Amino acid sequence: MHLNTNLKHVETGKQLNEILQEHENVMICCGRMGPMCIPVYFAMEELEREPEYSHIRFYDMLFDLPDARAIRELPECRGFMGLPFTVYYRKGKVVKATSGIQSKEQITTILDEFFKG
């Protein structure tokens, strides 16, 4: 089961670990198809097509999957109350995590800070 987006989907913890081992810069948005999450997915879909962000891999993950606990239970996500949980990984380590709706500009600020090409 996965989200109805044009992003690549993470469906298992094993798959998440493989992605983090294979790619240096990863953004994962863990949420549902709701009003706080959809704008983030849309912004990620746009950013994925932009050449200046081609060195970043963009994924979504359904919040309700059992294996999504790998995101939900991160120390960086402790205390998050709103969906989506968006996690930015560099070289397999969390460099930033946010919750709730984000604009494309807010996302690009984080990408530019942590993933400068």
C-alpha atoms as a PDB file:
ATOM      1  CA  MET A   1       0.000   0.000   0.000  1.00  0.00           C
ATOM      2  CA  HIS A   2       1.314   3.453  -0.878  1.00  0.00           C
ATOM      3  CA  LEU A   3       0.302   7.065  -1.287  1.00  0.00           C
ATOM      4  CA  ASN A   4      -1.293   8.354  -4.465  1.00  0.00           C
ATOM      5  CA  THR A   5       1.571  10.650  -5.509  1.00  0.00           C
ATOM      6  CA  ASN A   6       4.068  10.755  -8.353  1.00  0.00           C
ATOM      7  CA  LEU A   7       6.938  10.338  -5.902  1.00  0.00           C
ATOM      8  CA  LYS A   8       8.842   7.120  -5.359  1.00  0.00           C
ATOM      9  CA  HIS A   9       7.323   5.209  -2.453  1.00  0.00           C
ATOM     10  CA  VAL A  10       8.976   3.646   0.585  1.00  0.00           C
ATOM     11  CA  GLU A  11       6.939   0.697   1.776  1.00  0.00           C
ATOM     12  CA  THR A  12       9.239  -1.253   4.119  1.00  0.00           C
ATOM     13  CA  GLY A  13      11.938  -0.605   6.655  1.00  0.00           C
ATOM     14  CA  LYS A  14      14.307  -2.733   4.596  1.00  0.00           C
ATOM     15  CA  GLN A  15      13.641  -0.574   1.538  1.00  0.00           C
ATOM     16  CA  LEU A  16      14.235   2.576   3.622  1.00  0.00           C
ATOM     17  CA  ASN A  17      17.599   1.253   4.806  1.00  0.00           C
ATOM     18  CA  GLU A  18      18.617   0.385   1.229  1.00  0.00           C
ATOM     19  CA  ILE A  19      17.668   3.876   0.016  1.00  0.00           C
ATOM     20  CA  LEU A  20      19.700   5.507   2.788  1.00  0.00           C
ATOM     21  CA  GLN A  21      22.722   3.321   1.975  1.00  0.00           C
ATOM     22  CA  GLU A  22      22.504   3.938  -1.779  1.00  0.00           C
ATOM     23  CA  HIS A  23      21.828   7.699  -1.815  1.00  0.00           C
ATOM     24  CA  GLU A  24      23.692  10.484  -0.061  1.00  0.00           C
ATOM     25  CA  ASN A  25      20.840  13.039   0.042  1.00  0.00           C
ATOM     26  CA  VAL A  26      17.297  11.871   0.777  1.00  0.00           C
ATOM     27  CA  MET A  27      14.057  13.631   1.675  1.00  0.00           C
ATOM     28  CA  ILE A  28      11.178  11.460   2.903  1.00  0.00           C
ATOM     29  CA  CYS A  29       7.704  12.778   3.592  1.00  0.00           C
ATOM     30  CA  CYS A  30       5.750  10.415   5.831  1.00  0.00           C
ATOM     31  CA  GLY A  31       2.060  11.209   5.830  1.00  0.00           C
ATOM     32  CA  ARG A  32      -1.405  10.582   4.445  1.00  0.00           C
ATOM     33  CA  MET A  33      -3.448  11.989   1.564  1.00  0.00           C
ATOM     34  CA  GLY A  34      -4.693  14.931   3.620  1.00  0.00           C
ATOM     35  CA  PRO A  35      -4.708  18.733   3.432  1.00  0.00           C
ATOM     36  CA  MET A  36      -1.499  19.192   5.423  1.00  0.00           C
ATOM     37  CA  CYS A  37       0.441  16.592   3.438  1.00  0.00           C
ATOM     38  CA  ILE A  38      -0.639  17.085  -0.179  1.00  0.00           C
ATOM     39  CA  PRO A  39       1.052  20.513  -0.587  1.00  0.00           C
ATOM     40  CA  VAL A  40       4.332  18.997   0.622  1.00  0.00           C
ATOM     41  CA  TYR A  41       4.070  16.110  -1.865  1.00  0.00           C
ATOM     42  CA  PHE A  42       3.259  18.591  -4.644  1.00  0.00           C
ATOM     43  CA  ALA A  43       6.300  20.743  -3.777  1.00  0.00           C
ATOM     44  CA  MET A  44       8.513  17.639  -3.699  1.00  0.00           C
ATOM     45  CA  GLU A  45       7.236  16.544  -7.117  1.00  0.00           C
ATOM     46  CA  GLU A  46       8.141  19.988  -8.508  1.00  0.00           C
ATOM     47  CA  LEU A  47      11.571  20.015  -6.860  1.00  0.00           C
ATOM     48  CA  GLU A  48      12.337  16.524  -8.140  1.00  0.00           C
ATOM     49  CA  ARG A  49      12.109  17.908 -11.701  1.00  0.00           C
ATOM     50  CA  GLU A  50      14.404  20.882 -11.041  1.00  0.00           C
ATOM     51  CA  PRO A  51      18.029  20.356 -12.176  1.00  0.00           C
ATOM     52  CA  GLU A  52      19.537  22.086  -9.136  1.00  0.00           C
ATOM     53  CA  TYR A  53      18.015  19.383  -6.919  1.00  0.00           C
ATOM     54  CA  SER A  54      18.895  16.375  -9.094  1.00  0.00           C
ATOM     55  CA  HIS A  55      21.398  15.208  -6.441  1.00  0.00           C
ATOM     56  CA  ILE A  56      18.545  14.678  -3.936  1.00  0.00           C
ATOM     57  CA  ARG A  57      16.190  11.676  -3.870  1.00  0.00           C
ATOM     58  CA  PHE A  58      12.573  12.419  -2.967  1.00  0.00           C
ATOM     59  CA  TYR A  59      10.300   9.762  -1.442  1.00  0.00           C
ATOM     60  CA  ASP A  60       6.992   9.435   0.332  1.00  0.00           C
ATOM     61  CA  MET A  61       5.927   6.891   2.922  1.00  0.00           C
ATOM     62  CA  LEU A  62       2.434   6.118   4.175  1.00  0.00           C
ATOM     63  CA  PHE A  63       2.299   7.140   7.842  1.00  0.00           C
ATOM     64  CA  ASP A  64       0.072   4.191   8.778  1.00  0.00           C
ATOM     65  CA  LEU A  65       2.368   1.456   7.480  1.00  0.00           C
ATOM     66  CA  PRO A  66       3.809  -0.657  10.291  1.00  0.00           C
ATOM     67  CA  ASP A  67       7.348  -0.019   8.978  1.00  0.00           C
ATOM     68  CA  ALA A  68       6.758   3.757   9.059  1.00  0.00           C
ATOM     69  CA  ARG A  69       7.712   3.478  12.721  1.00  0.00           C
ATOM     70  CA  ALA A  70      11.269   3.892  11.399  1.00  0.00           C
ATOM     71  CA  ILE A  71      10.253   7.527  10.751  1.00  0.00           C
ATOM     72  CA  ARG A  72       7.599   8.001  13.463  1.00  0.00           C
ATOM     73  CA  GLU A  73       9.932   6.846  16.253  1.00  0.00           C
ATOM     74  CA  LEU A  74      13.004   8.862  15.301  1.00  0.00           C
ATOM     75  CA  PRO A  75      14.297  10.971  18.212  1.00  0.00           C
ATOM     76  CA  GLU A  76      14.155  13.977  15.856  1.00  0.00           C
ATOM     77  CA  CYS A  77      10.390  13.412  15.433  1.00  0.00           C
ATOM     78  CA  ARG A  78       9.641  13.085  19.141  1.00  0.00           C
ATOM     79  CA  GLY A  79       6.941  15.548  20.077  1.00  0.00           C
ATOM     80  CA  PHE A  80       5.673  16.031  16.531  1.00  0.00           C
ATOM     81  CA  MET A  81       1.905  16.458  16.579  1.00  0.00           C
ATOM     82  CA  GLY A  82       0.951  17.186  12.960  1.00  0.00           C
ATOM     83  CA  LEU A  83       1.384  15.361   9.701  1.00  0.00           C
ATOM     84  CA  PRO A  84       3.388  14.987   7.611  1.00  0.00           C
ATOM     85  CA  PHE A  85       6.655  14.079   9.263  1.00  0.00           C
ATOM     86  CA  THR A  86       9.333  15.154   6.795  1.00  0.00           C
ATOM     87  CA  VAL A  87      12.850  13.868   7.349  1.00  0.00           C
ATOM     88  CA  TYR A  88      16.014  14.949   5.557  1.00  0.00           C
ATOM     89  CA  TYR A  89      18.911  12.489   5.495  1.00  0.00           C
ATOM     90  CA  ARG A  90      22.522  13.106   4.478  1.00  0.00           C
ATOM     91  CA  LYS A  91      24.822  10.096   4.295  1.00  0.00           C
ATOM     92  CA  GLY A  92      22.274   7.996   6.171  1.00  0.00           C
ATOM     93  CA  LYS A  93      21.951  10.401   9.114  1.00  0.00           C
ATOM     94  CA  VAL A  94      19.046  12.700   9.949  1.00  0.00           C
ATOM     95  CA  VAL A  95      20.097  16.314   9.441  1.00  0.00           C
ATOM     96  CA  LYS A  96      16.648  17.894   9.803  1.00  0.00           C
ATOM     97  CA  ALA A  97      13.080  16.851  10.568  1.00  0.00           C
ATOM     98  CA  THR A  98       9.898  18.909  10.379  1.00  0.00           C
ATOM     99  CA  SER A  99       6.214  18.329  10.917  1.00  0.00           C
ATOM    100  CA  GLY A 100       3.155  19.901   9.402  1.00  0.00           C
ATOM    101  CA  ILE A 101       2.582  21.685   6.152  1.00  0.00           C
ATOM    102  CA  GLN A 102       5.554  23.333   4.463  1.00  0.00           C
ATOM    103  CA  SER A 103       5.725  25.604   1.453  1.00  0.00           C
ATOM    104  CA  LYS A 104       8.075  24.952  -1.430  1.00  0.00           C
ATOM    105  CA  GLU A 105      10.144  27.908  -0.219  1.00  0.00           C
ATOM    106  CA  GLN A 106      10.479  26.437   3.287  1.00  0.00           C
ATOM    107  CA  ILE A 107      11.557  23.113   1.795  1.00  0.00           C
ATOM    108  CA  THR A 108      14.101  24.688  -0.562  1.00  0.00           C
ATOM    109  CA  THR A 109      15.602  26.636   2.363  1.00  0.00           C
ATOM    110  CA  ILE A 110      16.265  23.320   4.137  1.00  0.00           C
ATOM    111  CA  LEU A 111      17.530  21.618   0.966  1.00  0.00           C
ATOM    112  CA  ASP A 112      19.883  24.513   0.233  1.00  0.00           C
ATOM    113  CA  GLU A 113      21.205  24.521   3.799  1.00  0.00           C
ATOM    114  CA  PHE A 114      21.878  20.798   4.143  1.00  0.00           C
ATOM    115  CA  PHE A 115      22.309  19.488   0.583  1.00  0.00           C
ATOM    116  CA  LYS A 116      24.232  22.133  -1.309  1.00  0.00           C
ATOM    117  CA  GLY A 117      25.355  20.424  -4.522  1.00  0.00           C
END
